[in-house]
Amino acid sequence: MLYAVIFEVVANILVFIILMIWASAAPAQSALLTLASSTLAMGWNYLFNLMFDSVQLRVGFKKNGWIRCLHAVLFEAGLLWVLIPFAAWWLDISLLAALKLECGLVIFFLVYTWLFTLLWDYGRAERSRS
């Protein structure tokens, strides 16, 4: 639980800053887009996993590396399908500009998640040595 809370708080702060710089969004505009996107992502995460698990139960596949990759790609594609038009509307930019922005954020989250997890695991390992 602590991992998820810290992950989301730090991510939201970083995305808020990124939106102000890359999208030239005003602070209030950036903050509201960040919070709305985070809320949409959490809701989509819950809904997508319910659907994915339902399909798994019906079809009976195992969650191996390929299925995990498919899961990640489908999750991100579904999220982008919602966030691109929302970001375009909210920031008053073209769909192409919103696509570029959202793709940049996907790349950011790939790197951020990897680094955050490494740091989290390192911190836990250090704490257990004490």
N, C-alpha and C. Protein backbone atom coordinates (compact mmCIF):
# COMPACT_ATOMS: atom_id res chain seq x y z
N MET A 1 0.82 -1.19 0.00
CA MET A 1 0.00 0.00 0.00
C MET A 1 0.87 1.25 0.00
N LEU A 2 1.89 1.26 0.84
CA LEU A 2 2.80 2.41 0.90
C LEU A 2 3.50 2.62 -0.44
N TYR A 3 3.90 1.53 -1.07
CA TYR A 3 4.53 1.59 -2.40
C TYR A 3 3.62 2.32 -3.37
N ALA A 4 2.35 1.92 -3.44
CA ALA A 4 1.41 2.50 -4.40
C ALA A 4 1.17 3.99 -4.12
N VAL A 5 1.05 4.35 -2.85
CA VAL A 5 0.79 5.76 -2.50
C VAL A 5 1.99 6.63 -2.87
N ILE A 6 3.18 6.20 -2.49
CA ILE A 6 4.38 6.98 -2.81
C ILE A 6 4.59 7.04 -4.32
N PHE A 7 4.40 5.91 -5.00
CA PHE A 7 4.53 5.86 -6.45
C PHE A 7 3.62 6.90 -7.10
N GLU A 8 2.35 6.93 -6.73
CA GLU A 8 1.37 7.84 -7.33
C GLU A 8 1.66 9.30 -6.99
N VAL A 9 2.00 9.59 -5.75
CA VAL A 9 2.28 10.97 -5.36
C VAL A 9 3.47 11.52 -6.14
N VAL A 10 4.56 10.78 -6.17
CA VAL A 10 5.76 11.23 -6.90
C VAL A 10 5.46 11.33 -8.39
N ALA A 11 4.76 10.36 -8.95
CA ALA A 11 4.41 10.39 -10.38
C ALA A 11 3.57 11.62 -10.70
N ASN A 12 2.57 11.91 -9.87
CA ASN A 12 1.72 13.06 -10.13
C ASN A 12 2.48 14.38 -10.07
N ILE A 13 3.40 14.48 -9.14
CA ILE A 13 4.22 15.70 -9.04
C ILE A 13 5.08 15.85 -10.30
N LEU A 14 5.71 14.76 -10.72
CA LEU A 14 6.55 14.81 -11.92
C LEU A 14 5.75 15.10 -13.17
N VAL A 15 4.60 14.47 -13.33
CA VAL A 15 3.76 14.70 -14.51
C VAL A 15 3.25 16.14 -14.52
N PHE A 16 2.89 16.67 -13.36
CA PHE A 16 2.47 18.07 -13.24
C PHE A 16 3.56 19.00 -13.80
N ILE A 17 4.80 18.75 -13.44
CA ILE A 17 5.92 19.57 -13.91
C ILE A 17 6.14 19.37 -15.41
N ILE A 18 6.09 18.12 -15.85
CA ILE A 18 6.27 17.81 -17.28
C ILE A 18 5.22 18.52 -18.12
N LEU A 19 3.97 18.49 -17.70
CA LEU A 19 2.90 19.14 -18.46
C LEU A 19 3.11 20.65 -18.55
N MET A 20 3.57 21.25 -17.47
CA MET A 20 3.81 22.69 -17.51
C MET A 20 4.94 23.02 -18.49
N ILE A 21 5.96 22.16 -18.55
CA ILE A 21 7.10 22.43 -19.42
C ILE A 21 6.81 22.04 -20.87
N TRP A 22 6.43 20.77 -21.12
CA TRP A 22 6.25 20.27 -22.48
C TRP A 22 4.98 20.78 -23.16
N ALA A 23 3.91 20.90 -22.40
CA ALA A 23 2.64 21.30 -23.01
C ALA A 23 2.34 22.77 -22.77
N SER A 24 3.26 23.47 -22.12
CA SER A 24 3.05 24.88 -21.78
C SER A 24 1.71 25.10 -21.09
N ALA A 25 1.34 24.16 -20.24
CA ALA A 25 0.08 24.25 -19.50
C ALA A 25 0.25 25.15 -18.29
N ALA A 26 -0.80 25.89 -17.99
CA ALA A 26 -0.80 26.71 -16.78
C ALA A 26 -0.81 25.76 -15.57
N PRO A 27 -0.31 26.22 -14.42
CA PRO A 27 -0.28 25.33 -13.25
C PRO A 27 -1.63 24.69 -12.91
N ALA A 28 -2.70 25.47 -12.91
CA ALA A 28 -4.02 24.90 -12.58
C ALA A 28 -4.46 23.90 -13.65
N GLN A 29 -4.20 24.22 -14.90
CA GLN A 29 -4.54 23.33 -16.01
C GLN A 29 -3.76 22.03 -15.90
N SER A 30 -2.47 22.13 -15.60
CA SER A 30 -1.60 20.97 -15.44
C SER A 30 -2.04 20.12 -14.26
N ALA A 31 -2.36 20.76 -13.14
CA ALA A 31 -2.76 20.02 -11.94
C ALA A 31 -4.05 19.25 -12.18
N LEU A 32 -5.03 19.90 -12.79
CA LEU A 32 -6.31 19.23 -13.03
C LEU A 32 -6.17 18.09 -14.04
N LEU A 33 -5.37 18.31 -15.10
CA LEU A 33 -5.15 17.24 -16.08
C LEU A 33 -4.42 16.07 -15.43
N THR A 34 -3.44 16.36 -14.59
CA THR A 34 -2.70 15.30 -13.90
C THR A 34 -3.62 14.48 -13.01
N LEU A 35 -4.43 15.15 -12.22
CA LEU A 35 -5.34 14.44 -11.32
C LEU A 35 -6.42 13.68 -12.08
N ALA A 36 -6.96 14.28 -13.13
CA ALA A 36 -7.99 13.60 -13.94
C ALA A 36 -7.38 12.38 -14.63
N SER A 37 -6.19 12.52 -15.19
CA SER A 37 -5.54 11.40 -15.87
C SER A 37 -5.22 10.28 -14.89
N SER A 38 -4.76 10.63 -13.71
CA SER A 38 -4.45 9.63 -12.69
C SER A 38 -5.71 8.89 -12.27
N THR A 39 -6.78 9.63 -12.08
CA THR A 39 -8.05 9.02 -11.69
C THR A 39 -8.57 8.10 -12.80
N LEU A 40 -8.51 8.58 -14.05
CA LEU A 40 -8.92 7.74 -15.17
C LEU A 40 -8.06 6.48 -15.26
N ALA A 41 -6.75 6.63 -15.05
CA ALA A 41 -5.84 5.48 -15.13
C ALA A 41 -6.15 4.46 -14.04
N MET A 42 -6.45 4.93 -12.84
CA MET A 42 -6.78 3.99 -11.75
C MET A 42 -8.09 3.27 -12.03
N GLY A 43 -9.07 4.01 -12.52
CA GLY A 43 -10.35 3.39 -12.87
C GLY A 43 -10.21 2.40 -14.00
N TRP A 44 -9.45 2.78 -15.03
CA TRP A 44 -9.21 1.89 -16.15
C TRP A 44 -8.43 0.65 -15.70
N ASN A 45 -7.48 0.82 -14.80
CA ASN A 45 -6.70 -0.30 -14.28
C ASN A 45 -7.63 -1.33 -13.65
N TYR A 46 -8.53 -0.88 -12.82
CA TYR A 46 -9.48 -1.78 -12.16
C TYR A 46 -10.37 -2.48 -13.18
N LEU A 47 -10.99 -1.69 -14.07
CA LEU A 47 -11.89 -2.26 -15.08
C LEU A 47 -11.17 -3.21 -16.02
N PHE A 48 -9.99 -2.79 -16.51
CA PHE A 48 -9.23 -3.61 -17.45
C PHE A 48 -8.84 -4.94 -16.82
N ASN A 49 -8.38 -4.91 -15.57
CA ASN A 49 -7.97 -6.15 -14.91
C ASN A 49 -9.15 -7.08 -14.65
N LEU A 50 -10.31 -6.51 -14.35
CA LEU A 50 -11.52 -7.35 -14.23
C LEU A 50 -11.82 -8.06 -15.56
N MET A 51 -11.76 -7.29 -16.66
CA MET A 51 -12.03 -7.88 -17.98
C MET A 51 -10.96 -8.89 -18.36
N PHE A 52 -9.71 -8.56 -18.13
CA PHE A 52 -8.61 -9.45 -18.50
C PHE A 52 -8.70 -10.76 -17.72
N ASP A 53 -8.94 -10.66 -16.43
CA ASP A 53 -9.06 -11.86 -15.60
C ASP A 53 -10.27 -12.69 -16.00
N SER A 54 -11.35 -12.04 -16.41
CA SER A 54 -12.54 -12.76 -16.88
C SER A 54 -12.24 -13.55 -18.15
N VAL A 55 -11.51 -12.93 -19.06
CA VAL A 55 -11.11 -13.62 -20.29
C VAL A 55 -10.18 -14.78 -19.94
N GLN A 56 -9.27 -14.57 -19.00
CA GLN A 56 -8.36 -15.64 -18.60
C GLN A 56 -9.13 -16.83 -18.04
N LEU A 57 -10.14 -16.57 -17.23
CA LEU A 57 -10.94 -17.66 -16.66
C LEU A 57 -11.69 -18.43 -17.75
N ARG A 58 -12.23 -17.70 -18.73
CA ARG A 58 -12.97 -18.36 -19.82
C ARG A 58 -12.07 -19.14 -20.75
N VAL A 59 -10.93 -18.54 -21.11
CA VAL A 59 -10.04 -19.16 -22.10
C VAL A 59 -9.06 -20.12 -21.44
N GLY A 60 -8.59 -19.79 -20.25
CA GLY A 60 -7.71 -20.69 -19.50
C GLY A 60 -6.23 -20.55 -19.77
N PHE A 61 -5.78 -19.39 -20.24
CA PHE A 61 -4.35 -19.21 -20.49
C PHE A 61 -3.62 -18.89 -19.20
N LYS A 62 -2.31 -19.16 -19.21
CA LYS A 62 -1.46 -18.85 -18.06
C LYS A 62 -0.79 -17.50 -18.29
N LYS A 63 -0.49 -16.80 -17.21
CA LYS A 63 0.14 -15.48 -17.30
C LYS A 63 1.66 -15.64 -17.37
N ASN A 64 2.15 -15.94 -18.57
CA ASN A 64 3.59 -16.03 -18.78
C ASN A 64 4.12 -14.67 -19.25
N GLY A 65 5.36 -14.61 -19.65
CA GLY A 65 5.97 -13.35 -20.08
C GLY A 65 5.26 -12.71 -21.25
N TRP A 66 4.86 -13.51 -22.23
CA TRP A 66 4.18 -12.97 -23.42
C TRP A 66 2.81 -12.41 -23.06
N ILE A 67 2.11 -13.10 -22.20
CA ILE A 67 0.79 -12.63 -21.78
C ILE A 67 0.93 -11.35 -20.96
N ARG A 68 1.96 -11.26 -20.14
CA ARG A 68 2.21 -10.03 -19.37
C ARG A 68 2.49 -8.86 -20.32
N CYS A 69 3.26 -9.11 -21.37
CA CYS A 69 3.52 -8.06 -22.37
C CYS A 69 2.23 -7.64 -23.07
N LEU A 70 1.42 -8.63 -23.47
CA LEU A 70 0.14 -8.34 -24.10
C LEU A 70 -0.75 -7.54 -23.15
N HIS A 71 -0.77 -7.94 -21.89
CA HIS A 71 -1.55 -7.24 -20.86
C HIS A 71 -1.13 -5.77 -20.80
N ALA A 72 0.17 -5.52 -20.74
CA ALA A 72 0.69 -4.15 -20.63
C ALA A 72 0.34 -3.32 -21.87
N VAL A 73 0.52 -3.91 -23.05
CA VAL A 73 0.24 -3.19 -24.29
C VAL A 73 -1.25 -2.87 -24.40
N LEU A 74 -2.11 -3.84 -24.11
CA LEU A 74 -3.55 -3.60 -24.18
C LEU A 74 -4.00 -2.57 -23.14
N PHE A 75 -3.43 -2.64 -21.95
CA PHE A 75 -3.78 -1.66 -20.93
C PHE A 75 -3.43 -0.25 -21.39
N GLU A 76 -2.19 -0.07 -21.86
CA GLU A 76 -1.74 1.26 -22.30
C GLU A 76 -2.53 1.74 -23.51
N ALA A 77 -2.82 0.85 -24.45
CA ALA A 77 -3.60 1.24 -25.63
C ALA A 77 -4.99 1.73 -25.22
N GLY A 78 -5.63 1.02 -24.32
CA GLY A 78 -6.94 1.44 -23.84
C GLY A 78 -6.89 2.76 -23.11
N LEU A 79 -5.86 2.95 -22.32
CA LEU A 79 -5.71 4.21 -21.59
C LEU A 79 -5.47 5.37 -22.55
N LEU A 80 -4.64 5.15 -23.55
CA LEU A 80 -4.37 6.20 -24.54
C LEU A 80 -5.63 6.55 -25.32
N TRP A 81 -6.45 5.55 -25.61
CA TRP A 81 -7.69 5.77 -26.35
C TRP A 81 -8.58 6.79 -25.64
N VAL A 82 -8.53 6.80 -24.32
CA VAL A 82 -9.33 7.74 -23.53
C VAL A 82 -8.56 9.05 -23.29
N LEU A 83 -7.28 8.94 -22.97
CA LEU A 83 -6.53 10.12 -22.55
C LEU A 83 -6.18 11.07 -23.70
N ILE A 84 -5.97 10.55 -24.90
CA ILE A 84 -5.59 11.42 -26.02
C ILE A 84 -6.68 12.46 -26.32
N PRO A 85 -7.93 12.03 -26.54
CA PRO A 85 -8.96 13.06 -26.79
C PRO A 85 -9.20 13.96 -25.58
N PHE A 86 -9.09 13.39 -24.38
CA PHE A 86 -9.27 14.20 -23.17
C PHE A 86 -8.19 15.28 -23.07
N ALA A 87 -6.93 14.90 -23.27
CA ALA A 87 -5.82 15.87 -23.20
C ALA A 87 -5.95 16.92 -24.29
N ALA A 88 -6.35 16.49 -25.50
CA ALA A 88 -6.52 17.44 -26.60
C ALA A 88 -7.58 18.48 -26.25
N TRP A 89 -8.69 18.01 -25.71
CA TRP A 89 -9.77 18.92 -25.33
C TRP A 89 -9.33 19.83 -24.19
N TRP A 90 -8.74 19.25 -23.15
CA TRP A 90 -8.40 20.02 -21.96
C TRP A 90 -7.33 21.07 -22.23
N LEU A 91 -6.33 20.71 -23.03
CA LEU A 91 -5.23 21.64 -23.32
C LEU A 91 -5.47 22.47 -24.57
N ASP A 92 -6.59 22.19 -25.26
CA ASP A 92 -6.94 22.88 -26.50
C ASP A 92 -5.81 22.74 -27.53
N ILE A 93 -5.42 21.47 -27.75
CA ILE A 93 -4.38 21.15 -28.72
C ILE A 93 -4.95 20.13 -29.71
N SER A 94 -4.22 19.88 -30.78
CA SER A 94 -4.68 18.92 -31.78
C SER A 94 -4.56 17.50 -31.23
N LEU A 95 -5.27 16.58 -31.88
CA LEU A 95 -5.16 15.17 -31.48
C LEU A 95 -3.73 14.66 -31.69
N LEU A 96 -3.07 15.13 -32.75
CA LEU A 96 -1.69 14.71 -32.99
C LEU A 96 -0.77 15.21 -31.88
N ALA A 97 -0.95 16.45 -31.47
CA ALA A 97 -0.13 16.98 -30.36
C ALA A 97 -0.41 16.20 -29.08
N ALA A 98 -1.68 15.87 -28.85
CA ALA A 98 -2.04 15.09 -27.66
C ALA A 98 -1.45 13.68 -27.73
N LEU A 99 -1.45 13.09 -28.92
CA LEU A 99 -0.84 11.77 -29.12
C LEU A 99 0.64 11.81 -28.77
N LYS A 100 1.34 12.82 -29.26
CA LYS A 100 2.76 12.96 -28.96
C LYS A 100 2.99 13.14 -27.46
N LEU A 101 2.18 13.97 -26.85
CA LEU A 101 2.31 14.21 -25.41
C LEU A 101 2.06 12.93 -24.62
N GLU A 102 0.99 12.23 -24.94
CA GLU A 102 0.66 10.99 -24.22
C GLU A 102 1.69 9.89 -24.47
N CYS A 103 2.21 9.80 -25.68
CA CYS A 103 3.27 8.81 -25.95
C CYS A 103 4.53 9.14 -25.16
N GLY A 104 4.82 10.42 -25.04
CA GLY A 104 5.95 10.84 -24.19
C GLY A 104 5.73 10.46 -22.75
N LEU A 105 4.49 10.59 -22.28
CA LEU A 105 4.18 10.21 -20.91
C LEU A 105 4.25 8.70 -20.70
N VAL A 106 3.89 7.92 -21.72
CA VAL A 106 4.03 6.46 -21.62
C VAL A 106 5.50 6.10 -21.47
N ILE A 107 6.35 6.72 -22.26
CA ILE A 107 7.80 6.47 -22.16
C ILE A 107 8.30 6.91 -20.77
N PHE A 108 7.84 8.07 -20.32
CA PHE A 108 8.20 8.53 -18.98
C PHE A 108 7.82 7.48 -17.95
N PHE A 109 6.59 6.96 -18.02
CA PHE A 109 6.14 6.00 -17.00
C PHE A 109 6.88 4.67 -17.08
N LEU A 110 7.30 4.27 -18.26
CA LEU A 110 8.12 3.05 -18.35
C LEU A 110 9.43 3.23 -17.59
N VAL A 111 10.10 4.35 -17.84
CA VAL A 111 11.37 4.62 -17.17
C VAL A 111 11.15 4.87 -15.68
N TYR A 112 10.14 5.68 -15.36
CA TYR A 112 9.84 6.01 -13.97
C TYR A 112 9.53 4.75 -13.16
N THR A 113 8.68 3.89 -13.70
CA THR A 113 8.31 2.66 -12.98
C THR A 113 9.53 1.79 -12.74
N TRP A 114 10.38 1.66 -13.74
CA TRP A 114 11.59 0.85 -13.60
C TRP A 114 12.51 1.43 -12.53
N LEU A 115 12.76 2.75 -12.61
CA LEU A 115 13.65 3.39 -11.62
C LEU A 115 13.04 3.38 -10.22
N PHE A 116 11.75 3.67 -10.12
CA PHE A 116 11.10 3.69 -8.81
C PHE A 116 11.18 2.32 -8.17
N THR A 117 10.93 1.28 -8.93
CA THR A 117 10.97 -0.09 -8.39
C THR A 117 12.39 -0.46 -7.95
N LEU A 118 13.37 -0.07 -8.76
CA LEU A 118 14.77 -0.33 -8.36
C LEU A 118 15.10 0.36 -7.04
N LEU A 119 14.74 1.63 -6.94
CA LEU A 119 15.01 2.38 -5.71
C LEU A 119 14.24 1.81 -4.53
N TRP A 120 13.00 1.43 -4.76
CA TRP A 120 12.18 0.85 -3.69
C TRP A 120 12.82 -0.45 -3.19
N ASP A 121 13.21 -1.32 -4.13
CA ASP A 121 13.83 -2.60 -3.75
C ASP A 121 15.15 -2.36 -3.03
N TYR A 122 15.93 -1.39 -3.49
CA TYR A 122 17.19 -1.07 -2.84
C TYR A 122 16.94 -0.58 -1.41
N GLY A 123 15.96 0.32 -1.26
CA GLY A 123 15.63 0.84 0.07
C GLY A 123 15.16 -0.26 1.01
N ARG A 124 14.38 -1.19 0.52
CA ARG A 124 13.91 -2.30 1.35
C ARG A 124 15.06 -3.21 1.73
N ALA A 125 15.97 -3.46 0.79
CA ALA A 125 17.13 -4.31 1.08
C ALA A 125 18.02 -3.65 2.13
N GLU A 126 18.23 -2.34 2.01
CA GLU A 126 19.06 -1.62 2.98
C GLU A 126 18.42 -1.63 4.35
N ARG A 127 17.09 -1.45 4.39
CA ARG A 127 16.39 -1.43 5.67
C ARG A 127 16.43 -2.79 6.34
N SER A 128 16.39 -3.86 5.57
CA SER A 128 16.40 -5.20 6.18
C SER A 128 17.80 -5.56 6.69
N ARG A 129 18.83 -4.91 6.18
CA ARG A 129 20.20 -5.16 6.66
C ARG A 129 20.45 -4.48 8.00
N SER A 130 19.70 -3.43 8.28
CA SER A 130 19.92 -2.67 9.51
C SER A 130 19.46 -3.41 10.73
